[in-house]
Amino acid sequence: MLRWLLGGRDVQEPVEKSLILCLGDDQPQNPYTELQVLKGHNDIVRFMVWIDDTRFASAGDDGVVLLWNVQTGERLHELRGHSRPITGIALIPLTYHSQSESCHLLTAASDRTVMIWDLDTGSQIHLLADFQSSVKCLKVIERLDVWLSGADKICVWNNRAELLCKTTCFKDADVSLMIELPKNNIAAVIRKELIIFKLVTSSESHTWEITEMRRLSNHEDDIRALISINDDTFATGSHVGELIIWDALDWSVKGFESHFWNVTSQSDKPAEIKISRTPYQHEACIHHLTADRENIFAAIGTGIYVYNLQTKTVIAYQQVAHDSRVLHIAKLPNRQLVSCSVDGSVRLWELQELPPAEPATSGIFSMWGIGKPNKQQTQMAKRKLDCSVLKTLELTGDLIGHSGAVQMFLHSKDHGIVTCSTDHLIILWKDGEKESQLRSKALFHKLEQDDV
């Protein structure tokens, strides 16, 4: 059954209607049985960020930032100023400002500019254009009231868009990823190197400095993922499947797993693990990482892998979670995972305990080395696996709506899942039962008013 609902309002064009489609009851564990399509972008939509409980922003290759109401699908503002594809966005929260009454948004584009926007009015506040190369990443440090831009150098700015300090120019490549570390430190990625910087400020002279502290070259290939796990730990993942767990205080290696393993199951014996020598390196590429207090969740090639921080083993996996590369993954509060892929699908997974009688299989990443393990390594790996508690990832929902690669998604407990894609569309996936109850309440309320 199809139901039409008023869609996003275009500030320049006639109002369009967005289709809300009932997906059916063949997925009993999937609550997202309604979808609403939002149109407004004219090219690939690559980025989205929450503004508050009811608003989010989207941006992509058309150089336009759109602000949406997640409850109604209404388009609130169009932020136009960039002339090339947007390469990064970051929210400057309300608490960051001492004088402003609204949140601000940072946007960077391949036109070598960075812009700051007022999200309540949709107006541009600042334009920064003195970059020698495109800014690839933006990082807001709320605690210090500064934000960083990463390109051929790292620049530190205050909330008035004044340059406080910067690094020297990097010769080989640009900064692609940044995270905040304890003690005013920053971890930045340049190709396969991880560089630690320290921000130093003088309260007397009000001056800032950014100093390089250490270069970490443990990865063999380009780093594709960088996440902060907690105050003590962060992690990186590389193009060839290297996962490194780092100490956030002294930057030492706390855990290391590398390269992709094949799992070949046979009916007459337990699963056998063999090293993969596939020439297709992208199948082992770590595209995205996320974590909770216990595990790291990795999108590797077409699969999803759950790495336990305590046992330092993979405790659950789906080697072929999608038909193509998995681009984004997130852990939800209710033991569920969400993943999206180049194949255009968004899938829901539940992390479940394996039955006690089911034989345990070993991890997916190599155990401290490449190639044929020696006897000592084999014994260490066996002891490691014996103490691990293996789980399983069960598919609970398959959200089919996009015709192109799904780049990323946002999740809200109250409003469902928001996805963006190369098909230029944004889709709101809503809890069908909850939406039906809201419509019923609204109808009863209207009838009561009419009776009065």
Protein backbone atom coordinates (compact mmCIF):
# COMPACT_ATOMS: atom_id res chain seq x y z
CA MET A 1 0.00 0.00 0.00
CA LEU A 2 1.35 3.38 -0.99
CA ARG A 3 0.85 6.54 1.01
CA TRP A 4 1.80 10.02 -0.13
CA LEU A 5 3.11 12.53 2.33
CA LEU A 6 4.23 16.10 1.81
CA GLY A 7 7.97 16.10 1.23
CA GLY A 8 10.80 18.62 1.46
CA ARG A 9 9.94 22.18 0.60
CA ASP A 10 12.10 23.74 -2.12
CA VAL A 11 12.68 27.41 -1.51
CA GLN A 12 13.08 28.11 -5.23
CA GLU A 13 10.88 25.54 -6.94
CA PRO A 14 7.30 24.27 -6.55
CA VAL A 15 6.69 21.90 -3.64
CA GLU A 16 7.18 18.24 -4.51
CA LYS A 17 5.65 15.24 -2.80
CA SER A 18 7.85 12.44 -1.46
CA LEU A 19 6.82 8.83 -1.63
CA ILE A 20 6.34 6.92 1.62
CA LEU A 21 6.34 3.22 0.88
CA CYS A 22 5.27 0.32 3.11
CA LEU A 23 7.97 -2.36 2.88
CA GLY A 24 5.82 -5.24 4.07
CA ASP A 25 5.87 -7.71 6.96
CA ASP A 26 8.44 -10.19 5.63
CA GLN A 27 11.10 -8.78 7.99
CA PRO A 28 9.55 -9.14 11.46
CA GLN A 29 12.64 -7.84 13.31
CA ASN A 30 12.99 -4.80 11.06
CA PRO A 31 11.06 -1.82 12.49
CA TYR A 32 11.89 0.50 9.57
CA THR A 33 8.92 -0.30 7.37
CA GLU A 34 8.32 3.21 6.03
CA LEU A 35 10.58 5.38 3.94
CA GLN A 36 10.45 8.99 2.80
CA VAL A 37 12.60 10.20 -0.09
CA LEU A 38 14.11 13.68 0.13
CA LYS A 39 15.15 15.38 -3.11
CA GLY A 40 17.25 18.51 -3.42
CA HIS A 41 20.82 17.57 -4.35
CA ASN A 42 21.96 17.38 -7.97
CA ASP A 43 24.99 15.17 -7.41
CA ILE A 44 26.45 12.57 -5.04
CA VAL A 45 25.51 13.15 -1.37
CA ARG A 46 28.56 12.20 0.72
CA PHE A 47 28.16 13.85 4.11
CA MET A 48 25.48 14.27 6.76
CA VAL A 49 25.63 15.57 10.32
CA TRP A 50 23.11 16.03 13.11
CA ILE A 51 22.45 19.63 14.11
CA ASP A 52 20.08 18.86 16.97
CA ASP A 53 17.29 16.40 17.79
CA THR A 54 15.15 17.40 14.81
CA ARG A 55 17.55 18.87 12.22
CA PHE A 56 20.38 17.50 10.11
CA ALA A 57 22.56 18.83 7.28
CA SER A 58 23.58 17.10 4.04
CA ALA A 59 26.32 17.96 1.55
CA GLY A 60 28.06 16.50 -1.45
CA ASP A 61 29.52 16.94 -4.89
CA ASP A 62 27.08 19.66 -5.99
CA GLY A 63 28.72 22.04 -3.49
CA VAL A 64 25.41 22.75 -1.74
CA VAL A 65 24.54 22.19 1.90
CA LEU A 66 20.89 21.45 2.67
CA LEU A 67 19.28 21.65 6.10
CA TRP A 68 16.36 19.30 6.81
CA ASN A 69 13.71 18.65 9.41
CA VAL A 70 13.96 14.92 10.13
CA GLN A 71 10.40 14.72 11.46
CA THR A 72 8.64 16.15 8.42
CA GLY A 73 11.26 15.94 5.67
CA GLU A 74 10.95 19.69 5.12
CA ARG A 75 13.91 21.45 3.56
CA LEU A 76 14.75 24.36 5.88
CA HIS A 77 17.68 26.13 4.20
CA GLU A 78 19.98 25.94 1.20
CA LEU A 79 23.56 27.00 1.92
CA ARG A 80 25.13 28.02 -1.38
CA GLY A 81 28.65 29.39 -1.67
CA HIS A 82 31.03 26.61 -2.71
CA SER A 83 31.79 26.20 -6.41
CA ARG A 84 33.23 22.67 -6.19
CA PRO A 85 32.41 19.39 -4.36
CA ILE A 86 32.34 19.58 -0.58
CA THR A 87 35.14 17.59 1.08
CA GLY A 88 34.22 17.89 4.75
CA ILE A 89 31.66 19.22 7.23
CA ALA A 90 31.70 19.67 11.00
CA LEU A 91 29.25 21.09 13.52
CA ILE A 92 30.32 23.83 15.92
CA PRO A 93 27.96 23.28 18.87
CA LEU A 94 26.12 26.06 20.63
CA THR A 95 28.31 25.73 23.72
CA TYR A 96 31.30 26.63 21.59
CA HIS A 97 30.14 30.24 21.26
CA SER A 98 30.18 32.85 23.96
CA GLN A 99 28.03 35.33 22.07
CA SER A 100 26.10 33.38 19.42
CA GLU A 101 22.64 31.93 20.04
CA SER A 102 22.75 29.33 17.24
CA CYS A 103 24.91 26.44 16.11
CA HIS A 104 27.39 27.02 13.31
CA LEU A 105 28.48 24.67 10.54
CA LEU A 106 31.94 24.36 9.00
CA THR A 107 32.15 23.29 5.36
CA ALA A 108 35.25 22.66 3.25
CA ALA A 109 35.34 22.13 -0.50
CA SER A 110 37.74 21.32 -3.33
CA ASP A 111 37.52 25.00 -4.37
CA ARG A 112 40.09 25.53 -1.57
CA THR A 113 37.70 27.41 0.69
CA VAL A 114 36.21 26.89 4.14
CA MET A 115 32.92 28.55 5.09
CA ILE A 116 31.15 29.05 8.40
CA TRP A 117 27.35 29.17 8.37
CA ASP A 118 24.65 30.25 10.80
CA LEU A 119 22.25 27.31 10.87
CA ASP A 120 19.23 29.25 12.12
CA THR A 121 19.30 31.84 9.35
CA GLY A 122 21.17 29.90 6.66
CA SER A 123 23.54 32.84 6.17
CA GLN A 124 27.29 32.69 5.59
CA ILE A 125 29.30 34.16 8.48
CA HIS A 126 32.90 33.69 7.37
CA LEU A 127 34.75 32.75 4.18
CA LEU A 128 38.34 31.49 4.37
CA ALA A 129 40.10 31.25 1.03
CA ASP A 130 43.86 31.36 1.70
CA PHE A 131 44.47 27.62 1.33
CA GLN A 132 47.09 26.20 -1.03
CA SER A 133 45.25 22.89 -1.35
CA SER A 134 41.77 21.56 -0.61
CA VAL A 135 40.90 20.99 3.04
CA LYS A 136 40.20 17.26 3.46
CA CYS A 137 39.09 17.19 7.09
CA LEU A 138 37.78 19.47 9.84
CA LYS A 139 37.95 18.91 13.59
CA VAL A 140 36.26 20.95 16.32
CA ILE A 141 37.93 20.93 19.76
CA GLU A 142 35.11 22.19 22.02
CA ARG A 143 37.16 22.08 25.18
CA LEU A 144 39.71 24.55 23.78
CA ASP A 145 37.27 26.68 21.78
CA VAL A 146 39.20 26.07 18.55
CA TRP A 147 38.79 24.15 15.33
CA LEU A 148 41.34 22.62 12.97
CA SER A 149 41.54 22.35 9.20
CA GLY A 150 43.65 19.64 7.57
CA ALA A 151 45.16 20.09 4.10
CA ASP A 152 48.80 20.50 3.08
CA LYS A 153 49.19 21.84 6.62
CA ILE A 154 47.15 21.85 9.82
CA CYS A 155 45.74 25.25 10.77
CA VAL A 156 44.24 26.13 14.15
CA TRP A 157 41.40 28.71 14.20
CA ASN A 158 39.29 30.38 16.86
CA ASN A 159 35.53 30.91 16.72
CA ARG A 160 35.99 34.24 14.94
CA ALA A 161 37.80 32.47 12.09
CA GLU A 162 41.14 33.98 13.12
CA LEU A 163 44.23 31.90 12.42
CA LEU A 164 45.99 31.07 15.70
CA CYS A 165 48.85 28.89 14.44
CA LYS A 166 49.75 26.33 11.77
CA THR A 167 52.21 23.58 10.99
CA THR A 168 54.79 23.69 8.25
CA CYS A 169 53.72 22.46 4.84
CA PHE A 170 53.69 18.68 4.35
CA LYS A 171 55.55 17.80 1.16
CA ASP A 172 54.37 14.30 0.24
CA ALA A 173 50.59 14.44 0.81
CA ASP A 174 47.77 16.19 2.63
CA VAL A 175 46.18 15.43 5.99
CA SER A 176 43.19 13.14 5.46
CA LEU A 177 41.99 12.32 9.01
CA MET A 178 42.26 13.89 12.47
CA ILE A 179 41.09 13.06 16.00
CA GLU A 180 41.54 14.66 19.40
CA LEU A 181 43.72 12.89 21.99
CA PRO A 182 44.21 13.59 25.72
CA LYS A 183 46.55 16.33 26.99
CA ASN A 184 45.82 18.68 24.08
CA ASN A 185 47.24 16.26 21.53
CA ILE A 186 46.03 15.64 17.99
CA ALA A 187 46.51 12.53 15.84
CA ALA A 188 46.66 13.25 12.11
CA VAL A 189 46.96 10.88 9.15
CA ILE A 190 49.17 11.57 6.14
CA ARG A 191 49.17 8.55 3.81
CA LYS A 192 50.50 5.65 5.92
CA GLU A 193 51.97 7.79 8.68
CA LEU A 194 50.28 8.76 11.93
CA ILE A 195 51.62 12.06 13.29
CA ILE A 196 51.03 13.26 16.85
CA PHE A 197 50.84 17.02 17.42
CA LYS A 198 50.48 19.00 20.65
CA LEU A 199 48.53 22.24 20.99
CA VAL A 200 50.23 24.67 23.37
CA THR A 201 48.65 27.92 24.51
CA SER A 202 49.93 30.70 26.72
CA SER A 203 47.32 32.28 28.97
CA GLU A 204 49.48 35.36 29.48
CA SER A 205 50.33 36.21 25.87
CA HIS A 206 47.25 34.50 24.36
CA THR A 207 49.47 32.83 21.74
CA TRP A 208 49.15 29.33 20.31
CA GLU A 209 51.63 26.81 18.96
CA ILE A 210 51.20 23.41 17.32
CA THR A 211 54.23 21.18 17.74
CA GLU A 212 54.99 17.82 16.15
CA MET A 213 55.65 15.24 18.88
CA ARG A 214 56.09 11.91 17.07
CA ARG A 215 55.71 10.14 13.74
CA LEU A 216 54.37 6.58 13.86
CA SER A 217 55.10 4.49 10.76
CA ASN A 218 53.74 1.09 11.81
CA HIS A 219 51.36 0.74 8.86
CA GLU A 220 52.54 -0.76 5.58
CA ASP A 221 49.95 1.08 3.47
CA ASP A 222 47.68 4.11 3.54
CA ILE A 223 45.54 4.58 6.66
CA ARG A 224 41.85 4.69 5.75
CA ALA A 225 40.19 4.79 9.19
CA LEU A 226 41.00 6.58 12.45
CA ILE A 227 38.77 6.52 15.54
CA SER A 228 38.93 7.42 19.21
CA ILE A 229 37.69 4.54 21.38
CA ASN A 230 37.99 6.09 24.85
CA ASP A 231 40.29 8.41 26.80
CA ASP A 232 43.03 5.77 26.81
CA THR A 233 42.73 4.14 23.39
CA PHE A 234 42.37 4.89 19.70
CA ALA A 235 42.63 2.76 16.56
CA THR A 236 43.66 2.92 12.92
CA GLY A 237 42.87 0.72 9.92
CA SER A 238 44.76 0.54 6.64
CA HIS A 239 44.18 -0.20 2.97
CA VAL A 240 45.68 -3.70 3.32
CA GLY A 241 43.68 -4.69 6.39
CA GLU A 242 46.02 -3.74 9.22
CA LEU A 243 44.22 -2.94 12.45
CA ILE A 244 46.34 -1.23 15.13
CA ILE A 245 45.15 -0.39 18.64
CA TRP A 246 47.09 2.53 20.16
CA ASP A 247 47.61 3.88 23.66
CA ALA A 248 46.26 7.43 23.58
CA LEU A 249 48.68 8.66 26.26
CA ASP A 250 52.10 7.32 25.22
CA TRP A 251 51.19 6.32 21.62
CA SER A 252 52.48 2.77 22.01
CA VAL A 253 50.87 -0.22 20.25
CA LYS A 254 48.38 -2.07 22.46
CA GLY A 255 47.16 -4.52 19.83
CA PHE A 256 47.88 -5.43 16.23
CA GLU A 257 46.15 -7.64 13.70
CA SER A 258 46.94 -7.65 10.02
CA HIS A 259 45.77 -8.97 6.69
CA PHE A 260 42.70 -10.83 5.65
CA TRP A 261 41.94 -14.48 6.38
CA ASN A 262 39.68 -16.85 4.44
CA VAL A 263 37.19 -19.04 6.27
CA THR A 264 36.42 -22.25 4.39
CA SER A 265 33.79 -24.46 5.99
CA GLN A 266 33.56 -28.19 5.34
CA SER A 267 30.72 -30.44 6.37
CA ASP A 268 32.94 -33.16 7.85
CA LYS A 269 35.19 -31.01 10.03
CA PRO A 270 35.33 -27.65 11.80
CA ALA A 271 36.02 -24.48 9.85
CA GLU A 272 39.59 -24.13 8.61
CA ILE A 273 41.44 -20.85 8.51
CA LYS A 274 43.85 -20.10 5.66
CA ILE A 275 45.81 -17.01 4.80
CA SER A 276 44.48 -15.14 1.77
CA ARG A 277 46.85 -14.18 -1.02
CA THR A 278 44.22 -12.52 -3.16
CA PRO A 279 45.61 -9.87 -5.53
CA TYR A 280 42.50 -7.73 -4.97
CA GLN A 281 43.74 -5.61 -2.08
CA HIS A 282 40.47 -3.71 -1.77
CA GLU A 283 38.86 -6.88 -0.40
CA ALA A 284 41.02 -6.50 2.71
CA CYS A 285 40.75 -2.71 2.94
CA ILE A 286 39.40 -1.32 6.22
CA HIS A 287 36.94 1.28 4.97
CA HIS A 288 35.43 2.30 8.29
CA LEU A 289 35.76 1.68 12.03
CA THR A 290 33.49 2.30 14.99
CA ALA A 291 33.63 1.09 18.59
CA ASP A 292 31.91 0.73 21.93
CA ARG A 293 33.44 -0.02 25.34
CA GLU A 294 34.14 -3.66 24.51
CA ASN A 295 34.57 -4.07 20.76
CA ILE A 296 35.77 -2.49 17.55
CA PHE A 297 33.44 -2.94 14.58
CA ALA A 298 35.26 -2.93 11.25
CA ALA A 299 33.98 -2.66 7.69
CA ILE A 300 36.55 -4.67 5.73
CA GLY A 301 35.99 -5.34 2.05
CA THR A 302 32.51 -6.78 1.73
CA GLY A 303 32.44 -7.99 5.34
CA ILE A 304 31.83 -6.90 8.93
CA TYR A 305 34.13 -7.96 11.77
CA VAL A 306 33.84 -7.56 15.54
CA TYR A 307 37.20 -7.31 17.34
CA ASN A 308 37.16 -7.68 21.12
CA LEU A 309 39.50 -5.28 22.91
CA GLN A 310 40.01 -7.53 25.93
CA THR A 311 40.75 -10.84 24.21
CA LYS A 312 42.31 -9.15 21.14
CA THR A 313 40.48 -11.54 18.82
CA VAL A 314 37.69 -11.36 16.28
CA ILE A 315 34.63 -12.71 18.10
CA ALA A 316 32.07 -12.38 15.29
CA TYR A 317 32.03 -11.71 11.58
CA GLN A 318 30.10 -11.83 8.34
CA GLN A 319 32.62 -12.31 5.56
CA VAL A 320 30.11 -11.37 2.85
CA ALA A 321 27.78 -8.94 4.59
CA HIS A 322 27.01 -7.12 1.33
CA ASP A 323 27.44 -7.80 -2.37
CA SER A 324 30.03 -5.03 -2.61
CA ARG A 325 32.30 -2.95 -0.38
CA VAL A 326 30.93 -1.89 3.00
CA LEU A 327 31.43 1.87 3.33
CA HIS A 328 29.98 2.72 6.75
CA ILE A 329 29.07 0.87 9.93
CA ALA A 330 27.59 1.87 13.30
CA LYS A 331 26.71 0.16 16.58
CA LEU A 332 23.25 0.92 17.95
CA PRO A 333 22.34 0.81 21.66
CA ASN A 334 20.18 -2.32 21.32
CA ARG A 335 22.93 -4.79 20.27
CA GLN A 336 22.21 -3.97 16.65
CA LEU A 337 24.63 -2.96 13.91
CA VAL A 338 23.83 -0.99 10.78
CA SER A 339 25.94 -1.19 7.63
CA CYS A 340 25.70 0.34 4.16
CA SER A 341 27.41 -0.58 0.94
CA VAL A 342 28.35 0.27 -2.62
CA ASP A 343 25.63 -2.21 -3.65
CA GLY A 344 23.01 0.35 -2.54
CA SER A 345 21.70 -1.61 0.46
CA VAL A 346 21.46 -0.79 4.15
CA ARG A 347 21.40 -3.80 6.46
CA LEU A 348 20.56 -4.38 10.12
CA TRP A 349 22.45 -6.95 12.18
CA GLU A 350 22.11 -8.31 15.70
CA LEU A 351 25.11 -9.50 17.71
CA GLN A 352 24.05 -12.81 19.28
CA GLU A 353 25.71 -15.47 21.40
CA LEU A 354 26.63 -18.69 19.59
CA PRO A 355 25.02 -21.88 20.91
CA PRO A 356 27.36 -23.62 23.41
CA ALA A 357 27.60 -26.79 21.32
CA GLU A 358 28.68 -24.99 18.18
CA PRO A 359 32.43 -25.27 17.51
CA ALA A 360 34.40 -22.04 17.78
CA THR A 361 36.35 -20.72 14.84
CA SER A 362 39.46 -18.65 14.98
CA GLY A 363 39.83 -14.99 14.20
CA ILE A 364 39.86 -13.36 10.83
CA PHE A 365 42.96 -11.24 11.21
CA SER A 366 46.44 -12.80 11.29
CA MET A 367 48.05 -13.48 14.63
CA TRP A 368 51.14 -11.25 14.74
CA GLY A 369 52.70 -12.06 11.42
CA ILE A 370 52.24 -12.96 7.79
CA GLY A 371 52.62 -16.32 6.16
CA LYS A 372 52.96 -19.78 7.73
CA PRO A 373 53.01 -19.58 11.54
CA ASN A 374 55.63 -21.42 13.58
CA LYS A 375 54.83 -23.82 16.42
CA GLN A 376 55.02 -21.18 19.12
CA GLN A 377 52.75 -18.84 17.19
CA THR A 378 50.26 -21.67 16.64
CA GLN A 379 50.16 -22.48 20.36
CA MET A 380 49.72 -18.81 21.24
CA ALA A 381 46.91 -18.47 18.73
CA LYS A 382 45.20 -21.61 20.09
CA ARG A 383 45.33 -20.33 23.68
CA LYS A 384 44.04 -16.98 22.44
CA LEU A 385 41.07 -18.54 20.69
CA ASP A 386 40.23 -20.94 23.52
CA CYS A 387 39.58 -18.04 25.90
CA SER A 388 37.59 -15.98 23.40
CA VAL A 389 33.81 -15.87 23.49
CA LEU A 390 32.54 -16.08 19.93
CA LYS A 391 29.28 -14.56 18.82
CA THR A 392 27.39 -14.37 15.56
CA LEU A 393 26.02 -11.55 13.43
CA GLU A 394 22.47 -12.32 12.34
CA LEU A 395 20.81 -10.34 9.55
CA THR A 396 17.56 -8.82 10.86
CA GLY A 397 16.69 -6.25 8.20
CA ASP A 398 17.48 -5.23 4.63
CA LEU A 399 16.58 -1.68 3.61
CA ILE A 400 16.34 -1.40 -0.17
CA GLY A 401 15.59 2.04 -1.57
CA HIS A 402 18.70 3.55 -3.13
CA SER A 403 19.80 2.91 -6.71
CA GLY A 404 23.41 3.93 -6.02
CA ALA A 405 26.15 3.39 -3.45
CA VAL A 406 25.05 4.40 0.04
CA GLN A 407 27.81 6.66 1.36
CA MET A 408 26.84 6.92 5.03
CA PHE A 409 23.89 7.13 7.43
CA LEU A 410 22.72 8.79 10.62
CA HIS A 411 20.71 7.09 13.37
CA SER A 412 18.26 8.56 15.84
CA LYS A 413 16.36 6.68 18.52
CA ASP A 414 13.27 8.81 17.91
CA HIS A 415 13.43 9.33 14.15
CA GLY A 416 15.01 6.21 12.65
CA ILE A 417 17.79 6.08 10.05
CA VAL A 418 18.82 8.67 7.45
CA THR A 419 20.85 7.52 4.42
CA CYS A 420 22.55 9.35 1.54
CA SER A 421 23.76 7.99 -1.76
CA THR A 422 25.35 8.48 -5.16
CA ASP A 423 21.81 8.52 -6.59
CA HIS A 424 21.53 12.13 -5.27
CA LEU A 425 18.82 11.09 -2.79
CA ILE A 426 18.38 11.13 0.97
CA ILE A 427 16.01 8.57 2.48
CA LEU A 428 14.37 8.70 5.91
CA TRP A 429 13.73 5.16 7.18
CA LYS A 430 11.03 5.31 9.85
CA ASP A 431 9.55 2.94 12.41
CA GLY A 432 6.25 2.03 10.75
CA GLU A 433 4.43 1.13 13.96
CA LYS A 434 5.51 4.32 15.71
CA GLU A 435 4.57 6.46 12.72
CA SER A 436 1.15 4.79 12.54
CA GLN A 437 0.54 5.57 16.22
CA LEU A 438 1.54 9.20 15.70
CA ARG A 439 -0.85 9.55 12.77
CA SER A 440 -3.67 8.00 14.80
CA LYS A 441 -3.05 10.37 17.70
CA ALA A 442 -2.98 13.34 15.33
CA LEU A 443 -6.26 12.21 13.74
CA PHE A 444 -8.00 11.74 17.10
CA HIS A 445 -6.76 15.14 18.22
CA LYS A 446 -8.15 16.75 15.04
CA LEU A 447 -11.51 15.02 15.50
CA GLU A 448 -11.71 16.23 19.10
CA GLN A 449 -11.03 19.79 17.97
CA ASP A 450 -13.68 19.54 15.25
CA ASP A 451 -16.23 18.33 17.80
CA VAL A 452 -15.52 21.35 19.97
